[in-house]
C-alpha cells in the first residue's frame, strides 16, 4: 500500500541551519601560493605560479559572488600581484614562455568572464590594467616574448 505524495507545501519543514560559505580571496590565495613556492629559495616554481594564474577567472566569479562588497577588490589585488611577480621574473631574466602565455590567457579569460556575468562589466577596466603590465614585457610587436609567439586573443 503506497502513501499519497505530499505537495511541497505539506512537506515537513527542516530546522537545519546551513552555515554561510566563507568568502574566497584571490589576494590571500596568491600570497599563500607565493610563500609556499618560494620558501627557502630565491626562485619561484613557475609551474605552481601558472596554476595560480590560471585560477584568476574562477576567483573573479567566486570572490565577487560570495562577497559582493569587497570581492572585486580581493580578486584585483590577487591578479595584480601575481602579474607583478611575472614582471619581476622578466626583470630577473627568469620568466618562462609558458608563464607569460598563462598570464595572457588568464587576462583573456577574465575579460570574457567580466563581460559575461551580470555586474562584472566594470572589472574589464581592471583586466586592462593588468594586461597593460604584461604588454610592457613583450617584444615591441606585442605578439612575441623574446622572439617566441605569445598567446594573444
Protein backbone atom coordinates (compact mmCIF):
# COMPACT_ATOMS: atom_id res chain seq x y z
CA UNK A 1 0.00 0.00 0.00
CA UNK A 2 1.61 3.25 -1.09
CA UNK A 3 1.30 6.51 0.77
CA UNK A 4 -0.08 9.55 -1.01
CA UNK A 5 2.63 12.01 -2.03
CA UNK A 6 2.81 15.28 -0.14
CA UNK A 7 2.79 18.53 -2.00
CA UNK A 8 5.82 20.76 -1.35
CA UNK A 9 3.76 22.99 0.93
CA UNK A 10 2.77 19.95 3.03
CA UNK A 11 6.32 18.56 3.30
CA UNK A 12 7.80 18.68 6.80
CA UNK A 13 9.88 21.80 7.36
CA UNK A 14 13.50 21.39 8.38
CA UNK A 15 15.12 23.49 11.06
CA UNK A 16 18.63 22.74 9.81
CA UNK A 17 20.76 25.87 9.64
CA UNK A 18 23.21 25.95 6.77
CA UNK A 19 26.40 27.81 7.59
CA UNK A 20 27.35 30.52 5.13
CA UNK A 21 30.22 29.72 2.82
CA UNK A 22 33.34 31.65 3.77
CA UNK A 23 34.27 34.15 1.05
CA UNK A 24 37.14 33.38 -1.29
CA UNK A 25 40.02 35.83 -1.50
CA UNK A 26 42.30 35.62 -4.54
CA UNK A 27 44.68 38.15 -2.98
CA UNK A 28 45.23 35.97 0.08
CA UNK A 29 45.45 32.85 -2.09
CA UNK A 30 48.18 34.38 -4.26
CA UNK A 31 50.22 35.39 -1.22
CA UNK A 32 49.87 31.91 0.24
CA UNK A 33 50.94 30.22 -3.01
CA UNK A 34 53.89 32.56 -3.48
CA UNK A 35 55.03 32.00 0.10
CA UNK A 36 54.85 28.22 -0.33
CA UNK A 37 56.55 28.13 -3.74
CA UNK A 38 59.45 30.34 -2.74
CA UNK A 39 60.01 29.16 0.86
CA UNK A 40 63.73 28.75 1.48
CA UNK A 41 64.60 29.73 -2.08
CA UNK A 42 65.11 32.86 -4.13
CA UNK A 43 63.31 31.31 -7.09
CA UNK A 44 59.64 30.68 -7.71
CA UNK A 45 58.25 27.41 -9.03
CA UNK A 46 56.72 28.69 -12.27
CA UNK A 47 54.58 25.58 -12.75
CA UNK A 48 52.79 26.37 -9.48
CA UNK A 49 52.72 30.04 -10.41
CA UNK A 50 50.99 29.11 -13.68
CA UNK A 51 48.38 27.10 -11.78
CA UNK A 52 47.76 30.09 -9.53
CA UNK A 53 47.45 32.45 -12.50
CA UNK A 54 45.15 30.02 -14.29
CA UNK A 55 42.62 30.33 -11.46
CA UNK A 56 42.18 34.09 -11.90
CA UNK A 57 38.89 33.88 -13.82
CA UNK A 58 37.46 31.36 -11.35
CA UNK A 59 38.34 33.62 -8.44
CA UNK A 60 36.80 36.55 -10.31
CA UNK A 61 33.50 34.70 -10.17
CA UNK A 62 33.78 33.32 -6.63
CA UNK A 63 35.25 36.42 -4.97
CA UNK A 64 32.56 38.65 -6.44
CA UNK A 65 29.67 36.21 -5.98
CA UNK A 66 30.33 35.11 -2.42
CA UNK A 67 31.41 38.55 -1.23
CA UNK A 68 29.75 41.25 -3.34
CA UNK A 69 31.00 44.09 -1.09
CA UNK A 70 34.74 43.50 -1.46
CA UNK A 71 35.09 40.62 -3.92
CA UNK A 72 36.19 42.76 -6.84
CA UNK A 73 38.93 44.23 -4.67
CA UNK A 74 40.22 40.87 -3.37
CA UNK A 75 40.26 39.46 -6.89
CA UNK A 76 42.02 42.51 -8.34
CA UNK A 77 44.67 42.55 -5.60
CA UNK A 78 45.45 38.90 -6.30
CA UNK A 79 45.51 39.23 -10.07
CA UNK A 80 47.60 42.39 -9.98
CA UNK A 81 50.09 40.86 -7.52
CA UNK A 82 50.54 37.66 -9.46
CA UNK A 83 51.20 39.63 -12.65
CA UNK A 84 53.67 41.82 -10.73
CA UNK A 85 55.55 38.58 -9.99
CA UNK A 86 55.54 37.74 -13.70
CA UNK A 87 57.00 41.19 -14.44
CA UNK A 88 59.62 40.71 -11.70
CA UNK A 89 60.61 37.34 -13.17
CA UNK A 90 61.07 39.08 -16.52
CA UNK A 91 63.27 41.73 -14.87
CA UNK A 92 65.39 38.97 -13.33
CA UNK A 93 65.66 37.23 -16.71
CA UNK A 94 63.88 34.16 -15.29
CA UNK A 95 60.46 34.39 -16.94
CA UNK A 96 59.49 31.26 -18.85
CA UNK A 97 57.42 31.41 -22.03
CA UNK A 98 54.72 29.17 -20.52
CA UNK A 99 54.27 31.60 -17.63
CA UNK A 100 53.73 34.64 -19.86
CA UNK A 101 51.38 32.57 -22.03
CA UNK A 102 49.37 31.51 -18.99
CA UNK A 103 49.14 35.11 -17.77
CA UNK A 104 47.98 36.28 -21.20
CA UNK A 105 45.33 33.54 -21.32
CA UNK A 106 44.17 34.50 -17.82
CA UNK A 107 43.67 38.10 -18.95
CA UNK A 108 41.61 36.89 -21.89
CA UNK A 109 39.51 34.58 -19.70
CA UNK A 110 38.91 37.30 -17.10
CA UNK A 111 37.91 39.71 -19.87
CA UNK A 112 35.34 37.21 -21.16
CA UNK A 113 34.00 36.44 -17.66
CA UNK A 114 33.74 40.13 -16.80
CA UNK A 115 31.69 40.71 -19.94
CA UNK A 116 29.51 37.64 -19.50
CA UNK A 117 28.50 37.78 -15.82
CA UNK A 118 25.96 40.32 -14.71
CA UNK A 119 27.51 43.01 -12.56
CA UNK A 120 31.11 42.30 -13.53
CA UNK A 121 31.46 44.51 -16.61
CA UNK A 122 33.25 47.15 -14.53
CA UNK A 123 36.02 44.58 -13.92
CA UNK A 124 37.08 44.92 -17.54
CA UNK A 125 38.94 48.12 -16.66
CA UNK A 126 40.90 46.23 -14.03
CA UNK A 127 41.71 43.46 -16.53
CA UNK A 128 43.00 46.15 -18.91
CA UNK A 129 45.29 47.49 -16.16
CA UNK A 130 46.75 44.05 -15.51
CA UNK A 131 47.11 43.29 -19.23
CA UNK A 132 48.98 46.57 -19.72
CA UNK A 133 51.63 45.38 -17.22
CA UNK A 134 52.08 42.20 -19.25
CA UNK A 135 52.21 44.05 -22.54
CA UNK A 136 55.19 46.07 -21.32
CA UNK A 137 57.37 42.92 -21.10
CA UNK A 138 56.51 41.72 -24.61
CA UNK A 139 58.67 42.43 -27.63
CA UNK A 140 57.88 45.72 -29.46
CA UNK A 141 55.49 43.91 -31.84
CA UNK A 142 53.28 42.99 -28.84
CA UNK A 143 52.88 39.41 -30.06
CA UNK A 144 56.12 37.74 -29.02
CA UNK A 145 58.28 37.37 -25.93
CA UNK A 146 61.98 37.17 -26.70
CA UNK A 147 61.15 36.11 -30.22
CA UNK A 148 58.66 33.38 -29.27
CA UNK A 149 54.95 33.65 -30.05
CA UNK A 150 52.74 34.50 -27.06
CA UNK A 151 49.05 33.70 -26.69
CA UNK A 152 47.00 36.63 -27.88
CA UNK A 153 43.22 36.53 -28.22
